[in-house]
Protein backbone atom coordinates (compact mmCIF):
# COMPACT_ATOMS: atom_id res chain seq x y z
CA UNK A 1 98.48 86.05 158.25
CA UNK A 2 101.95 85.79 159.76
CA UNK A 3 104.52 88.46 158.95
CA UNK A 4 106.80 85.57 158.00
CA UNK A 5 104.51 84.08 155.35
CA UNK A 6 106.47 85.81 152.54
CA UNK A 7 109.73 84.14 153.59
CA UNK A 8 110.58 80.70 152.21
CA UNK A 9 113.35 78.28 153.02
CA UNK A 10 114.70 80.07 156.12
CA UNK A 11 112.78 78.43 158.96
CA UNK A 12 115.98 77.66 160.91
CA UNK A 13 117.13 81.29 160.88
CA UNK A 14 113.67 82.54 161.85
CA UNK A 15 113.40 80.00 164.66
CA UNK A 16 116.78 81.13 165.99
CA UNK A 17 115.48 84.71 166.15
CA UNK A 18 112.20 83.58 167.74
CA UNK A 19 114.00 81.76 170.53
CA UNK A 20 116.15 84.80 171.28
CA UNK A 21 113.02 86.93 171.67
CA UNK A 22 111.19 84.28 173.70
CA UNK A 23 114.09 84.19 176.15
CA UNK A 24 114.22 87.98 176.33
CA UNK A 25 117.74 87.99 174.90
CA UNK A 26 117.51 90.48 172.07
CA UNK A 27 121.07 91.32 171.02
CA UNK A 28 122.43 94.74 170.10
CA UNK A 29 124.14 93.33 167.02
CA UNK A 30 123.21 90.60 164.54
CA UNK A 31 125.19 89.26 161.60
CA UNK A 32 123.09 87.58 158.91
CA UNK A 33 125.34 85.51 156.63
CA UNK A 34 124.51 83.57 153.45
CA UNK A 35 124.68 83.70 149.67
CA UNK A 36 123.14 86.49 147.63
CA UNK A 37 119.43 86.29 146.88
CA UNK A 38 118.27 83.84 149.55
CA UNK A 39 116.20 86.19 151.73
CA UNK A 40 118.60 87.63 154.31
CA UNK A 41 117.47 91.22 153.87
CA UNK A 42 113.80 90.20 153.77
CA UNK A 43 114.18 88.35 157.08
CA UNK A 44 116.03 91.35 158.54
CA UNK A 45 113.14 93.64 157.54
CA UNK A 46 110.50 91.29 158.95
CA UNK A 47 112.53 90.95 162.14
CA UNK A 48 112.74 94.73 162.48
CA UNK A 49 109.02 95.16 161.84
CA UNK A 50 108.15 92.57 164.47
CA UNK A 51 110.44 94.14 167.07
CA UNK A 52 109.00 97.61 166.45
CA UNK A 53 105.35 96.48 166.37
CA UNK A 54 103.39 98.09 169.22
CA UNK A 55 100.91 95.22 169.39
CA UNK A 56 103.55 92.51 169.64
CA UNK A 57 103.36 90.31 172.70
CA UNK A 58 106.54 90.58 174.82
CA UNK A 59 107.95 87.13 174.04
CA UNK A 60 106.65 86.61 170.51
CA UNK A 61 108.17 87.57 167.18
CA UNK A 62 105.11 88.59 165.21
CA UNK A 63 103.90 91.92 163.80
CA UNK A 64 100.26 92.92 163.52
CA UNK A 65 100.69 94.90 160.31
CA UNK A 66 98.15 97.57 161.27
CA UNK A 67 99.38 99.43 164.36
CA UNK A 68 100.87 102.93 164.41
CA UNK A 69 104.32 101.39 164.07
CA UNK A 70 103.61 98.77 161.38
CA UNK A 71 101.81 101.18 159.05
CA UNK A 72 104.71 103.65 158.68
CA UNK A 73 107.17 100.74 158.58
CA UNK A 74 105.36 99.17 155.64
CA UNK A 75 105.11 102.58 153.99
CA UNK A 76 108.89 102.97 154.24
CA UNK A 77 108.96 105.99 156.55
CA UNK A 78 109.29 104.64 160.09
CA UNK A 79 111.37 107.17 162.09
CA UNK A 80 113.12 104.48 164.14
CA UNK A 81 114.21 102.28 161.24
CA UNK A 82 116.92 102.89 158.65
CA UNK A 83 118.70 100.89 155.96
CA UNK A 84 122.12 101.48 154.46
CA UNK A 85 123.36 99.63 151.39
CA UNK A 86 126.08 99.98 148.80
CA UNK A 87 124.92 102.50 146.14
CA UNK A 88 124.62 101.20 142.61
CA UNK A 89 127.90 101.49 140.73
CA UNK A 90 129.97 101.68 143.93
CA UNK A 91 132.36 99.01 145.20
CA UNK A 92 132.10 99.92 148.86
CA UNK A 93 129.71 101.58 151.29
CA UNK A 94 130.56 105.31 151.54
CA UNK A 95 131.61 106.37 155.03
CA UNK A 96 129.25 109.37 154.79
CA UNK A 97 126.24 107.04 155.02
CA UNK A 98 127.50 105.78 158.36
CA UNK A 99 128.89 108.84 160.15
CA UNK A 100 127.74 111.78 158.03
CA UNK A 101 129.41 114.12 155.60
CA UNK A 102 132.69 115.89 156.46
CA UNK A 103 130.78 119.04 157.36
CA UNK A 104 128.40 117.16 159.70
CA UNK A 105 130.56 114.23 160.79
CA UNK A 106 129.05 112.53 163.83
CA UNK A 107 125.81 114.52 163.56
CA UNK A 108 124.11 112.45 160.86
CA UNK A 109 124.32 109.02 159.31
CA UNK A 110 123.42 105.57 160.57
CA UNK A 111 125.57 105.57 163.70
CA UNK A 112 124.18 108.92 164.82
CA UNK A 113 120.62 107.77 164.13
CA UNK A 114 121.07 104.72 166.35
CA UNK A 115 122.30 106.89 169.20
CA UNK A 116 119.06 108.89 169.34
CA UNK A 117 116.08 107.95 171.47
CA UNK A 118 113.21 106.17 169.68
CA UNK A 119 110.45 108.45 168.39
CA UNK A 120 107.70 105.95 167.68
CA UNK A 121 108.69 102.70 169.32
CA UNK A 122 110.77 101.03 171.97
CA UNK A 123 113.85 100.53 169.77
CA UNK A 124 116.04 102.05 167.09
CA UNK A 125 116.83 99.47 164.42
CA UNK A 126 119.20 99.70 161.46
CA UNK A 127 120.16 97.29 158.69
CA UNK A 128 123.46 97.44 156.82
CA UNK A 129 122.99 95.46 153.64
CA UNK A 130 126.16 94.48 151.75
CA UNK A 131 128.09 94.66 155.02
CA UNK A 132 130.91 92.75 153.32
CA UNK A 133 131.47 95.94 151.29
CA UNK A 134 132.38 98.08 154.30
CA UNK A 135 135.77 99.75 153.87
CA UNK A 136 138.22 100.09 156.76
CA UNK A 137 136.81 103.43 157.90
CA UNK A 138 133.25 102.14 157.75
CA UNK A 139 134.10 98.93 159.57
CA UNK A 140 135.81 100.90 162.34
CA UNK A 141 132.79 103.18 162.70
CA UNK A 142 130.46 100.17 163.02
CA UNK A 143 132.86 98.49 165.44
CA UNK A 144 132.76 101.54 167.70
CA UNK A 145 128.95 101.44 167.72
CA UNK A 146 128.99 97.72 168.55
CA UNK A 147 131.58 98.19 171.31
CA UNK A 148 129.47 100.90 172.98
CA UNK A 149 125.93 100.13 171.73
CA UNK A 150 123.17 102.60 172.56
CA UNK A 151 120.82 100.99 175.08
CA UNK A 152 117.81 100.72 172.75
CA UNK A 153 119.63 100.13 169.46
CA UNK A 154 119.66 96.98 167.32
CA UNK A 155 122.07 96.79 164.38
CA UNK A 156 121.67 94.05 161.75
CA UNK A 157 124.57 93.41 159.38
CA UNK A 158 123.81 91.44 156.21
CA UNK A 159 126.80 89.84 154.47
CA UNK A 160 127.46 87.25 151.78
CA UNK A 161 130.35 85.55 153.55
CA UNK A 162 131.59 85.46 157.10
CA UNK A 163 135.24 85.78 156.10
CA UNK A 164 134.73 89.26 154.59
CA UNK A 165 133.58 90.70 157.92
CA UNK A 166 136.21 91.82 160.43
CA UNK A 167 136.74 89.29 163.27
CA UNK A 168 136.27 92.09 165.81
CA UNK A 169 132.84 92.84 164.33
CA UNK A 170 131.89 89.16 164.11
CA UNK A 171 132.74 88.65 167.76
CA UNK A 172 130.32 91.39 168.81
CA UNK A 173 127.37 90.15 166.78
CA UNK A 174 124.93 87.29 167.18
CA UNK A 175 125.57 85.10 164.12
CA UNK A 176 122.58 83.87 162.08
CA UNK A 177 123.38 81.60 159.14
CA UNK A 178 121.04 81.37 156.13
CA UNK A 179 120.52 78.33 153.91
CA UNK A 180 120.40 78.07 150.13
CA UNK A 181 116.80 78.00 148.88
CA UNK A 182 115.47 74.69 147.61
CA UNK A 183 114.31 74.18 144.03
CA UNK A 184 110.67 74.14 145.16
CA UNK A 185 111.12 77.46 146.99
CA UNK A 186 112.63 79.11 143.91
CA UNK A 187 109.86 77.69 141.71
CA UNK A 188 107.15 78.97 144.03
CA UNK A 189 108.65 82.45 144.29
CA UNK A 190 109.14 82.78 140.53
CA UNK A 191 105.68 81.37 139.75
CA UNK A 192 104.09 83.84 142.15
CA UNK A 193 105.33 86.67 139.94
CA UNK A 194 103.36 85.25 136.98
CA UNK A 195 104.02 85.61 133.24
CA UNK A 196 106.99 83.23 133.32
CA UNK A 197 106.73 80.05 131.26
CA UNK A 198 106.51 77.09 133.72
CA UNK A 199 109.15 75.04 131.95
CA UNK A 200 111.63 77.90 132.15
CA UNK A 201 110.83 78.40 135.84
CA UNK A 202 111.58 74.76 136.56
CA UNK A 203 114.83 74.77 134.61
CA UNK A 204 116.15 78.01 136.09
CA UNK A 205 115.23 76.92 139.63
CA UNK A 206 117.62 74.00 139.26
CA UNK A 207 120.46 76.10 137.91
CA UNK A 208 120.51 79.15 140.18
CA UNK A 209 122.37 77.60 143.13
CA UNK A 210 119.51 78.34 145.52
CA UNK A 211 119.54 82.09 144.84
CA UNK A 212 116.36 83.91 143.85
CA UNK A 213 118.27 86.95 142.59
CA UNK A 214 120.42 84.74 140.37
CA UNK A 215 117.29 82.99 139.07
CA UNK A 216 115.76 86.35 138.09
CA UNK A 217 118.95 87.40 136.33
CA UNK A 218 118.99 84.11 134.43
CA UNK A 219 115.49 84.81 133.13
CA UNK A 220 116.72 87.83 131.18
CA UNK A 221 115.54 87.16 127.56
CA UNK A 222 118.84 88.33 126.04
CA UNK A 223 120.81 86.05 128.33
CA UNK A 224 118.51 83.14 127.51
CA UNK A 225 118.99 83.70 123.77
CA UNK A 226 122.73 83.77 124.33
CA UNK A 227 122.46 80.48 126.17
CA UNK A 228 120.67 78.82 123.28
CA UNK A 229 123.32 80.11 120.86
CA UNK A 230 126.09 78.85 123.13
CA UNK A 231 124.46 75.45 123.35
CA UNK A 232 124.31 75.17 119.57
CA UNK A 233 127.94 76.24 119.38
CA UNK A 234 128.97 73.76 122.04
CA UNK A 235 127.30 70.92 120.13
CA UNK A 236 129.27 71.69 116.96
CA UNK A 237 132.32 69.57 116.27
CA UNK A 238 134.40 72.69 115.59
CA UNK A 239 133.79 75.43 118.15
CA UNK A 240 134.96 78.86 116.92
CA UNK A 241 136.75 79.77 120.14
CA UNK A 242 137.63 83.40 119.46
CA UNK A 243 134.28 84.14 117.84
CA UNK A 244 132.45 82.61 120.82
CA UNK A 245 134.48 84.70 123.26
CA UNK A 246 133.76 87.88 121.28
CA UNK A 247 130.04 87.06 121.21
CA UNK A 248 129.95 86.68 124.99
CA UNK A 249 131.98 89.83 125.57
CA UNK A 250 129.67 91.83 123.28
CA UNK A 251 126.72 90.67 125.36
CA UNK A 252 128.49 91.71 128.57
CA UNK A 253 129.20 95.19 127.22
CA UNK A 254 125.61 95.63 126.04
CA UNK A 255 124.34 94.37 129.40
CA UNK A 256 126.30 96.84 131.54
CA UNK A 257 129.23 99.22 131.36
CA UNK A 258 130.14 98.38 134.97
CA UNK A 259 132.89 95.77 135.24
CA UNK A 260 131.43 94.41 138.48
CA UNK A 261 128.07 93.74 136.79
CA UNK A 262 129.84 92.13 133.84
CA UNK A 263 131.70 89.81 136.20
CA UNK A 264 128.41 88.72 137.76
CA UNK A 265 126.79 88.10 134.38
CA UNK A 266 129.70 86.07 133.08
CA UNK A 267 129.30 83.67 136.00
CA UNK A 268 125.79 82.86 134.78
CA UNK A 269 127.13 82.24 131.28
CA UNK A 270 129.86 79.94 132.55
CA UNK A 271 127.27 78.09 134.60
CA UNK A 272 125.10 77.56 131.49
CA UNK A 273 128.05 75.97 129.66
CA UNK A 274 128.97 73.78 132.62
CA UNK A 275 125.36 72.68 133.05
CA UNK A 276 125.08 71.67 129.38
CA UNK A 277 128.35 69.73 129.54
CA UNK A 278 127.15 67.91 132.64
CA UNK A 279 123.95 66.94 130.86
CA UNK A 280 126.00 65.58 127.94
CA UNK A 281 127.95 63.47 130.42
CA UNK A 282 124.67 62.18 131.89
CA UNK A 283 123.39 61.03 128.51
CA UNK A 284 126.73 59.50 127.51
CA UNK A 285 126.58 57.52 130.76
CA UNK A 286 123.04 56.36 129.98
CA UNK A 287 121.02 58.71 132.18
CA UNK A 288 118.25 61.09 131.10
CA UNK A 289 118.96 64.79 130.91
CA UNK A 290 117.06 67.14 133.17
CA UNK A 291 115.24 68.48 130.11
CA UNK A 292 114.08 64.98 129.09
CA UNK A 293 113.05 64.16 132.62
CA UNK A 294 110.90 67.28 132.98
CA UNK A 295 109.67 67.32 129.38
CA UNK A 296 110.65 70.93 128.90
CA UNK A 297 109.74 72.52 125.59
CA UNK A 298 112.84 74.13 124.08
CA UNK A 299 114.00 74.72 120.52
CA UNK A 300 117.34 73.26 121.56
CA UNK A 301 115.91 70.46 123.67
CA UNK A 302 117.34 67.62 121.58
CA UNK A 303 120.77 69.12 120.88
CA UNK A 304 122.28 67.83 124.09
CA UNK A 305 120.97 64.35 123.38
CA UNK A 306 122.16 64.44 119.77
CA UNK A 307 125.63 65.56 120.79
CA UNK A 308 125.85 62.85 123.46
CA UNK A 309 124.68 60.13 121.08
CA UNK A 310 127.42 61.09 118.61
CA UNK A 311 130.03 60.23 121.24
CA UNK A 312 131.37 56.86 122.33
CA UNK A 313 130.51 56.02 125.96
CA UNK A 314 134.11 55.23 126.87
CA UNK A 315 136.31 56.58 129.71
CA UNK A 316 138.29 58.82 127.34
CA UNK A 317 135.12 60.61 126.25
CA UNK A 318 133.94 61.13 129.83
CA UNK A 319 137.37 62.39 130.85
CA UNK A 320 137.48 64.88 127.97
CA UNK A 321 134.01 66.23 128.80
CA UNK A 322 135.00 66.53 132.44
CA UNK A 323 138.13 68.47 131.48
CA UNK A 324 135.98 70.85 129.45
CA UNK A 325 133.86 71.45 132.56
CA UNK A 326 136.98 71.96 134.67
CA UNK A 327 138.37 74.51 132.20
CA UNK A 328 135.20 76.58 132.31
CA UNK A 329 135.14 76.36 136.11
CA UNK A 330 138.76 77.51 136.17
CA UNK A 331 137.84 80.55 134.07
CA UNK A 332 134.95 81.26 136.43
CA UNK A 333 137.40 81.35 139.33
CA UNK A 334 139.79 83.58 137.40
CA UNK A 335 137.02 86.14 136.86
CA UNK A 336 136.69 86.44 140.64
CA UNK A 337 140.38 87.33 140.77
CA UNK A 338 139.79 90.41 138.58
CA UNK A 339 141.52 89.15 135.43
CA UNK A 340 140.88 90.85 132.10
CA UNK A 341 137.49 89.53 130.99
CA UNK A 342 138.16 89.56 127.26
CA UNK A 343 141.48 87.71 127.57
CA UNK A 344 139.97 85.25 130.04
CA UNK A 345 137.13 84.41 127.65
CA UNK A 346 139.43 84.00 124.66
CA UNK A 347 141.80 81.70 126.54
CA UNK A 348 138.95 79.64 127.96
CA UNK A 349 137.09 79.04 124.72
CA UNK A 350 140.27 78.46 122.74
CA UNK A 351 141.00 75.60 125.14
CA UNK A 352 137.41 74.35 125.05
CA UNK A 353 137.53 74.45 121.24
CA UNK A 354 140.65 72.27 121.15
CA UNK A 355 139.13 69.80 123.61
CA UNK A 356 135.90 69.62 121.59
CA UNK A 357 137.92 68.97 118.42
CA UNK A 358 139.76 66.11 120.14
CA UNK A 359 136.42 64.78 121.32
CA UNK A 360 135.04 64.84 117.78
CA UNK A 361 138.10 63.08 116.42
CA UNK A 362 138.33 60.33 119.00
CA UNK A 363 134.83 59.80 120.31
CA UNK A 364 132.49 59.52 117.32
CA UNK A 365 130.65 56.21 116.96
């Protein structure tokens, strides 16, 4: 079985790496760029394993999985491979992980490890996950390593966006772009884990923006219950704006005390609301909702349809629904700008409440 069999939806990126190896043009630096949860780190690990494999043919990118290099790699203790990522609860990658502590600066850390000769293979390989979270000192340390790369070192940077990586670092790395995963890829990956209701798998796969990590977060039972409550609230003619905002904020606080985690979770919640509003628009315009089309079994399955059928299919109704979507999308963007979450939620759902009231007054059959 190929080492790449676990990877889905990234054939273009893998082929780009294959061609580089076939041509004997292995770079010292790679920059893997793409959204969260689409397989960048997995590809980086498989790439590293294949390069380090002692049974690999010179111009092929395949690992045997059983040699004296693959076994320790798969066990997580290969002496020539290291991974650095942003620690949980931190907003940036600590410089100590890259160049060592103050007491041992330059004598430990990722950069020092890459400078050493390989112990078990022909290369030293390192992955920096969350490379977009490098601070200035960390970025400068990596830049120095890329400017004067050790002969046998390969450094793989994994980042969510290209713009968050210094231009000087980008220019010294071979860029590999990753695609969003397709719905079928997400479905297959979620189904392989088992114990997830098929209807939920199908629905989440179409809502997660091609990100497996986002899909898994959306499957959180507490979040799903919140979604059903929000849908019922949204379908009411009088939405209690402040109460809805407080309900969401209470969920965020119970979910995590870290503001960064709360900001990620609130994006899922906003997406749920936007998705429901879009389905209402579909039905008002005469199309089937996704739930109807896929015959999903949900307690709230008919609420979207019932809300839509209570509205007149006229341009004013469509425009009002679209403005509700736009307001939630605006709030989603504001969260990314580090606004106060509680105030943002209150303002958003106060506005949505007023729009829903206007919709009820002007759009009922």
